[in-house]
């Protein structure tokens, strides 16, 4: 997911996307453990997506706190 797309989402949408991505990540890890994972690079990609989404959420929180001063 591109950072531009992530920045356009609201906090509620971001939380939902994070939850959804973490579920997908869990499923991929289970497939990896059983040896049926076809694309191991997908795990790394999803981990980075979660990190990007959390970073954008934190940026928004800090901006709101700063604007509130």
PDB file of N, CA and C in Angstrom:
ATOM      1  N   UNK A   1       0.847  -1.176   0.000  1.00  0.00           N
ATOM      2  CA  UNK A   1       0.000   0.000   0.000  1.00  0.00           C
ATOM      3  C   UNK A   1       0.898   1.247   0.000  1.00  0.00           C
ATOM      4  N   UNK A   2       0.570   2.182  -0.821  1.00  0.00           N
ATOM      5  CA  UNK A   2       1.364   3.406  -0.948  1.00  0.00           C
ATOM      6  C   UNK A   2       1.077   4.361   0.206  1.00  0.00           C
ATOM      7  N   UNK A   3       2.085   5.110   0.605  1.00  0.00           N
ATOM      8  CA  UNK A   3       1.949   6.046   1.724  1.00  0.00           C
ATOM      9  C   UNK A   3       0.912   7.125   1.397  1.00  0.00           C
ATOM     10  N   UNK A   4       0.825   7.499   0.137  1.00  0.00           N
ATOM     11  CA  UNK A   4      -0.155   8.505  -0.292  1.00  0.00           C
ATOM     12  C   UNK A   4      -1.578   8.015  -0.002  1.00  0.00           C
ATOM     13  N   UNK A   5      -1.823   6.743  -0.314  1.00  0.00           N
ATOM     14  CA  UNK A   5      -3.143   6.155  -0.061  1.00  0.00           C
ATOM     15  C   UNK A   5      -3.430   6.068   1.434  1.00  0.00           C
ATOM     16  N   UNK A   6      -2.413   5.736   2.208  1.00  0.00           N
ATOM     17  CA  UNK A   6      -2.580   5.603   3.656  1.00  0.00           C
ATOM     18  C   UNK A   6      -2.928   6.947   4.284  1.00  0.00           C
ATOM     19  N   UNK A   7      -2.255   8.002   3.833  1.00  0.00           N
ATOM     20  CA  UNK A   7      -2.501   9.331   4.404  1.00  0.00           C
ATOM     21  C   UNK A   7      -3.918   9.833   4.142  1.00  0.00           C
ATOM     22  N   UNK A   8      -4.566   9.334   3.110  1.00  0.00           N
ATOM     23  CA  UNK A   8      -5.921   9.765   2.778  1.00  0.00           C
ATOM     24  C   UNK A   8      -6.985   9.111   3.655  1.00  0.00           C
ATOM     25  N   UNK A   9      -6.625   8.052   4.374  1.00  0.00           N
ATOM     26  CA  UNK A   9      -7.586   7.331   5.208  1.00  0.00           C
ATOM     27  C   UNK A   9      -7.778   8.039   6.552  1.00  0.00           C
ATOM     28  N   UNK A  10      -8.970   7.877   7.123  1.00  0.00           N
ATOM     29  CA  UNK A  10      -9.222   8.417   8.452  1.00  0.00           C
ATOM     30  C   UNK A  10      -8.626   7.466   9.491  1.00  0.00           C
ATOM     31  N   UNK A  11      -8.587   7.903  10.753  1.00  0.00           N
ATOM     32  CA  UNK A  11      -8.033   7.057  11.806  1.00  0.00           C
ATOM     33  C   UNK A  11      -8.823   5.770  11.969  1.00  0.00           C
ATOM     34  N   UNK A  12     -10.144   5.848  11.875  1.00  0.00           N
ATOM     35  CA  UNK A  12     -10.984   4.650  11.999  1.00  0.00           C
ATOM     36  C   UNK A  12     -10.684   3.664  10.864  1.00  0.00           C
ATOM     37  N   UNK A  13     -10.542   4.194   9.659  1.00  0.00           N
ATOM     38  CA  UNK A  13     -10.226   3.345   8.519  1.00  0.00           C
ATOM     39  C   UNK A  13      -8.849   2.716   8.673  1.00  0.00           C
ATOM     40  N   UNK A  14      -7.905   3.504   9.205  1.00  0.00           N
ATOM     41  CA  UNK A  14      -6.558   2.986   9.431  1.00  0.00           C
ATOM     42  C   UNK A  14      -6.572   1.850  10.454  1.00  0.00           C
ATOM     43  N   UNK A  15      -7.320   2.031  11.529  1.00  0.00           N
ATOM     44  CA  UNK A  15      -7.408   0.986  12.546  1.00  0.00           C
ATOM     45  C   UNK A  15      -7.974  -0.295  11.948  1.00  0.00           C
ATOM     46  N   UNK A  16      -8.990  -0.161  11.125  1.00  0.00           N
ATOM     47  CA  UNK A  16      -9.580  -1.323  10.473  1.00  0.00           C
ATOM     48  C   UNK A  16      -8.598  -2.002   9.530  1.00  0.00           C
ATOM     49  N   UNK A  17      -7.873  -1.194   8.757  1.00  0.00           N
ATOM     50  CA  UNK A  17      -6.888  -1.734   7.828  1.00  0.00           C
ATOM     51  C   UNK A  17      -5.769  -2.455   8.577  1.00  0.00           C
ATOM     52  N   UNK A  18      -5.329  -1.884   9.699  1.00  0.00           N
ATOM     53  CA  UNK A  18      -4.277  -2.517  10.494  1.00  0.00           C
ATOM     54  C   UNK A  18      -4.757  -3.868  11.006  1.00  0.00           C
ATOM     55  N   UNK A  19      -5.969  -3.888  11.531  1.00  0.00           N
ATOM     56  CA  UNK A  19      -6.536  -5.133  12.059  1.00  0.00           C
ATOM     57  C   UNK A  19      -6.623  -6.190  10.944  1.00  0.00           C
ATOM     58  N   UNK A  20      -7.110  -5.768   9.795  1.00  0.00           N
ATOM     59  CA  UNK A  20      -7.261  -6.664   8.647  1.00  0.00           C
ATOM     60  C   UNK A  20      -5.899  -7.192   8.172  1.00  0.00           C
ATOM     61  N   UNK A  21      -4.912  -6.312   8.110  1.00  0.00           N
ATOM     62  CA  UNK A  21      -3.582  -6.693   7.650  1.00  0.00           C
ATOM     63  C   UNK A  21      -2.919  -7.649   8.639  1.00  0.00           C
ATOM     64  N   UNK A  22      -3.121  -7.411   9.939  1.00  0.00           N
ATOM     65  CA  UNK A  22      -2.541  -8.301  10.941  1.00  0.00           C
ATOM     66  C   UNK A  22      -3.157  -9.696  10.875  1.00  0.00           C
ATOM     67  N   UNK A  23      -4.450  -9.775  10.565  1.00  0.00           N
ATOM     68  CA  UNK A  23      -5.087 -11.083  10.400  1.00  0.00           C
ATOM     69  C   UNK A  23      -4.483 -11.814   9.205  1.00  0.00           C
ATOM     70  N   UNK A  24      -4.305 -11.082   8.114  1.00  0.00           N
ATOM     71  CA  UNK A  24      -3.714 -11.673   6.918  1.00  0.00           C
ATOM     72  C   UNK A  24      -2.280 -12.131   7.200  1.00  0.00           C
ATOM     73  N   UNK A  25      -1.548 -11.328   7.954  1.00  0.00           N
ATOM     74  CA  UNK A  25      -0.179 -11.657   8.330  1.00  0.00           C
ATOM     75  C   UNK A  25      -0.140 -12.933   9.171  1.00  0.00           C
ATOM     76  N   UNK A  26      -1.077 -13.058  10.090  1.00  0.00           N
ATOM     77  CA  UNK A  26      -1.171 -14.258  10.916  1.00  0.00           C
ATOM     78  C   UNK A  26      -1.418 -15.489  10.047  1.00  0.00           C
ATOM     79  N   UNK A  27      -2.353 -15.362   9.109  1.00  0.00           N
ATOM     80  CA  UNK A  27      -2.660 -16.483   8.219  1.00  0.00           C
ATOM     81  C   UNK A  27      -1.451 -16.886   7.374  1.00  0.00           C
ATOM     82  N   UNK A  28      -0.692 -15.895   6.915  1.00  0.00           N
ATOM     83  CA  UNK A  28       0.503 -16.200   6.124  1.00  0.00           C
ATOM     84  C   UNK A  28       1.553 -16.899   6.977  1.00  0.00           C
ATOM     85  N   UNK A  29       1.682 -16.488   8.228  1.00  0.00           N
ATOM     86  CA  UNK A  29       2.645 -17.146   9.117  1.00  0.00           C
ATOM     87  C   UNK A  29       2.250 -18.592   9.383  1.00  0.00           C
ATOM     88  N   UNK A  30       0.957 -18.833   9.485  1.00  0.00           N
ATOM     89  CA  UNK A  30       0.493 -20.208   9.678  1.00  0.00           C
ATOM     90  C   UNK A  30       0.806 -21.051   8.438  1.00  0.00           C
ATOM     91  N   UNK A  31       0.599 -20.481   7.269  1.00  0.00           N
ATOM     92  CA  UNK A  31       0.925 -21.189   6.033  1.00  0.00           C
ATOM     93  C   UNK A  31       2.420 -21.465   5.952  1.00  0.00           C
ATOM     94  N   UNK A  32       3.214 -20.494   6.401  1.00  0.00           N
ATOM     95  CA  UNK A  32       4.661 -20.662   6.383  1.00  0.00           C
ATOM     96  C   UNK A  32       5.071 -21.810   7.314  1.00  0.00           C
ATOM     97  N   UNK A  33       4.433 -21.897   8.460  1.00  0.00           N
ATOM     98  CA  UNK A  33       4.748 -22.947   9.423  1.00  0.00           C
ATOM     99  C   UNK A  33       4.390 -24.331   8.882  1.00  0.00           C
ATOM    100  N   UNK A  34       3.332 -24.402   8.082  1.00  0.00           N
ATOM    101  CA  UNK A  34       2.926 -25.697   7.523  1.00  0.00           C
ATOM    102  C   UNK A  34       3.607 -25.987   6.192  1.00  0.00           C
ATOM    103  N   UNK A  35       4.331 -25.004   5.674  1.00  0.00           N
ATOM    104  CA  UNK A  35       5.068 -25.220   4.433  1.00  0.00           C
ATOM    105  C   UNK A  35       4.258 -25.009   3.168  1.00  0.00           C
ATOM    106  N   UNK A  36       3.121 -24.343   3.270  1.00  0.00           N
ATOM    107  CA  UNK A  36       2.288 -24.125   2.077  1.00  0.00           C
ATOM    108  C   UNK A  36       2.329 -22.685   1.574  1.00  0.00           C
ATOM    109  N   UNK A  37       3.213 -21.886   2.125  1.00  0.00           N
ATOM    110  CA  UNK A  37       3.305 -20.484   1.715  1.00  0.00           C
ATOM    111  C   UNK A  37       4.020 -20.381   0.373  1.00  0.00           C
ATOM    112  N   UNK A  38       3.358 -19.756  -0.596  1.00  0.00           N
ATOM    113  CA  UNK A  38       3.911 -19.648  -1.942  1.00  0.00           C
ATOM    114  C   UNK A  38       4.807 -18.424  -2.110  1.00  0.00           C
ATOM    115  N   UNK A  39       4.477 -17.340  -1.410  1.00  0.00           N
ATOM    116  CA  UNK A  39       5.193 -16.081  -1.622  1.00  0.00           C
ATOM    117  C   UNK A  39       5.669 -15.525  -0.269  1.00  0.00           C
ATOM    118  N   UNK A  40       6.832 -15.959   0.211  1.00  0.00           N
ATOM    119  CA  UNK A  40       7.321 -15.516   1.522  1.00  0.00           C
ATOM    120  C   UNK A  40       7.555 -14.006   1.617  1.00  0.00           C
ATOM    121  N   UNK A  41       7.805 -13.358   0.504  1.00  0.00           N
ATOM    122  CA  UNK A  41       8.056 -11.917   0.519  1.00  0.00           C
ATOM    123  C   UNK A  41       6.813 -11.125   0.943  1.00  0.00           C
ATOM    124  N   UNK A  42       5.653 -11.741   0.833  1.00  0.00           N
ATOM    125  CA  UNK A  42       4.392 -11.078   1.204  1.00  0.00           C
ATOM    126  C   UNK A  42       4.383 -10.746   2.696  1.00  0.00           C
ATOM    127  N   UNK A  43       5.015 -11.592   3.528  1.00  0.00           N
ATOM    128  CA  UNK A  43       5.063 -11.346   4.971  1.00  0.00           C
ATOM    129  C   UNK A  43       5.804 -10.040   5.250  1.00  0.00           C
ATOM    130  N   UNK A  44       6.953  -9.879   4.628  1.00  0.00           N
ATOM    131  CA  UNK A  44       7.747  -8.666   4.819  1.00  0.00           C
ATOM    132  C   UNK A  44       6.978  -7.431   4.350  1.00  0.00           C
ATOM    133  N   UNK A  45       6.311  -7.577   3.229  1.00  0.00           N
ATOM    134  CA  UNK A  45       5.528  -6.473   2.658  1.00  0.00           C
ATOM    135  C   UNK A  45       4.411  -6.039   3.623  1.00  0.00           C
ATOM    136  N   UNK A  46       3.695  -7.017   4.187  1.00  0.00           N
ATOM    137  CA  UNK A  46       2.600  -6.704   5.105  1.00  0.00           C
ATOM    138  C   UNK A  46       3.109  -6.081   6.399  1.00  0.00           C
ATOM    139  N   UNK A  47       4.240  -6.560   6.897  1.00  0.00           N
ATOM    140  CA  UNK A  47       4.811  -5.976   8.112  1.00  0.00           C
ATOM    141  C   UNK A  47       5.139  -4.500   7.892  1.00  0.00           C
ATOM    142  N   UNK A  48       5.684  -4.202   6.728  1.00  0.00           N
ATOM    143  CA  UNK A  48       6.022  -2.810   6.410  1.00  0.00           C
ATOM    144  C   UNK A  48       4.766  -1.957   6.247  1.00  0.00           C
ATOM    145  N   UNK A  49       3.718  -2.544   5.671  1.00  0.00           N
ATOM    146  CA  UNK A  49       2.452  -1.823   5.534  1.00  0.00           C
ATOM    147  C   UNK A  49       1.883  -1.459   6.904  1.00  0.00           C
ATOM    148  N   UNK A  50       1.926  -2.402   7.846  1.00  0.00           N
ATOM    149  CA  UNK A  50       1.425  -2.140   9.199  1.00  0.00           C
ATOM    150  C   UNK A  50       2.245  -1.006   9.829  1.00  0.00           C
ATOM    151  N   UNK A  51       3.551  -1.057   9.666  1.00  0.00           N
ATOM    152  CA  UNK A  51       4.413  -0.009  10.220  1.00  0.00           C
ATOM    153  C   UNK A  51       4.084   1.353   9.603  1.00  0.00           C
ATOM    154  N   UNK A  52       3.851   1.383   8.302  1.00  0.00           N
ATOM    155  CA  UNK A  52       3.497   2.648   7.644  1.00  0.00           C
ATOM    156  C   UNK A  52       2.184   3.204   8.194  1.00  0.00           C
ATOM    157  N   UNK A  53       1.203   2.321   8.343  1.00  0.00           N
ATOM    158  CA  UNK A  53      -0.103   2.767   8.843  1.00  0.00           C
ATOM    159  C   UNK A  53       0.005   3.292  10.269  1.00  0.00           C
ATOM    160  N   UNK A  54       0.782   2.604  11.103  1.00  0.00           N
ATOM    161  CA  UNK A  54       0.952   3.063  12.485  1.00  0.00           C
ATOM    162  C   UNK A  54       1.695   4.396  12.527  1.00  0.00           C
ATOM    163  N   UNK A  55       2.656   4.572  11.637  1.00  0.00           N
ATOM    164  CA  UNK A  55       3.398   5.831  11.570  1.00  0.00           C
ATOM    165  C   UNK A  55       2.477   6.983  11.196  1.00  0.00           C
ATOM    166  N   UNK A  56       1.634   6.776  10.215  1.00  0.00           N
ATOM    167  CA  UNK A  56       0.703   7.819   9.778  1.00  0.00           C
ATOM    168  C   UNK A  56      -0.284   8.135  10.905  1.00  0.00           C
ATOM    169  N   UNK A  57      -0.763   7.103  11.607  1.00  0.00           N
ATOM    170  CA  UNK A  57      -1.676   7.344  12.728  1.00  0.00           C
ATOM    171  C   UNK A  57      -0.999   8.200  13.791  1.00  0.00           C
ATOM    172  N   UNK A  58       0.249   7.893  14.089  1.00  0.00           N
ATOM    173  CA  UNK A  58       0.989   8.652  15.106  1.00  0.00           C
ATOM    174  C   UNK A  58       1.213  10.092  14.634  1.00  0.00           C
ATOM    175  N   UNK A  59       1.524  10.280  13.377  1.00  0.00           N
ATOM    176  CA  UNK A  59       1.698  11.631  12.837  1.00  0.00           C
ATOM    177  C   UNK A  59       0.416  12.444  13.003  1.00  0.00           C
ATOM    178  N   UNK A  60      -0.721  11.803  12.718  1.00  0.00           N
ATOM    179  CA  UNK A  60      -2.004  12.496  12.859  1.00  0.00           C
ATOM    180  C   UNK A  60      -2.281  12.847  14.313  1.00  0.00           C
ATOM    181  N   UNK A  61      -1.956  11.934  15.236  1.00  0.00           N
ATOM    182  CA  UNK A  61      -2.155  12.205  16.663  1.00  0.00           C
ATOM    183  C   UNK A  61      -1.315  13.402  17.105  1.00  0.00           C
ATOM    184  N   UNK A  62      -0.061  13.418  16.694  1.00  0.00           N
ATOM    185  CA  UNK A  62       0.830  14.515  17.070  1.00  0.00           C
ATOM    186  C   UNK A  62       0.372  15.837  16.465  1.00  0.00           C
ATOM    187  N   UNK A  63      -0.112  15.790  15.232  1.00  0.00           N
ATOM    188  CA  UNK A  63      -0.602  17.010  14.587  1.00  0.00           C
ATOM    189  C   UNK A  63      -1.817  17.545  15.321  1.00  0.00           C
ATOM    190  N   UNK A  64      -2.731  16.640  15.703  1.00  0.00           N
ATOM    191  CA  UNK A  64      -3.934  17.064  16.443  1.00  0.00           C
ATOM    192  C   UNK A  64      -3.553  17.664  17.797  1.00  0.00           C
ATOM    193  N   UNK A  65      -2.592  17.041  18.460  1.00  0.00           N
ATOM    194  CA  UNK A  65      -2.151  17.554  19.760  1.00  0.00           C
ATOM    195  C   UNK A  65      -1.494  18.930  19.597  1.00  0.00           C
ATOM    196  N   UNK A  66      -0.721  19.070  18.529  1.00  0.00           N
ATOM    197  CA  UNK A  66      -0.033  20.338  18.291  1.00  0.00           C
ATOM    198  C   UNK A  66      -1.018  21.433  17.901  1.00  0.00           C
ATOM    199  N   UNK A  67      -2.017  21.093  17.104  1.00  0.00           N
ATOM    200  CA  UNK A  67      -3.026  22.066  16.697  1.00  0.00           C
ATOM    201  C   UNK A  67      -3.915  22.477  17.856  1.00  0.00           C
ATOM    202  N   UNK A  68      -4.054  21.609  18.839  1.00  0.00           N
ATOM    203  CA  UNK A  68      -4.895  21.895  19.991  1.00  0.00           C
ATOM    204  C   UNK A  68      -4.266  22.839  20.988  1.00  0.00           C
ATOM    205  N   UNK A  69      -2.969  23.068  20.862  1.00  0.00           N
ATOM    206  CA  UNK A  69      -2.270  23.949  21.823  1.00  0.00           C
ATOM    207  C   UNK A  69      -2.598  25.398  21.592  1.00  0.00           C
TER     208      UNK A  69
END
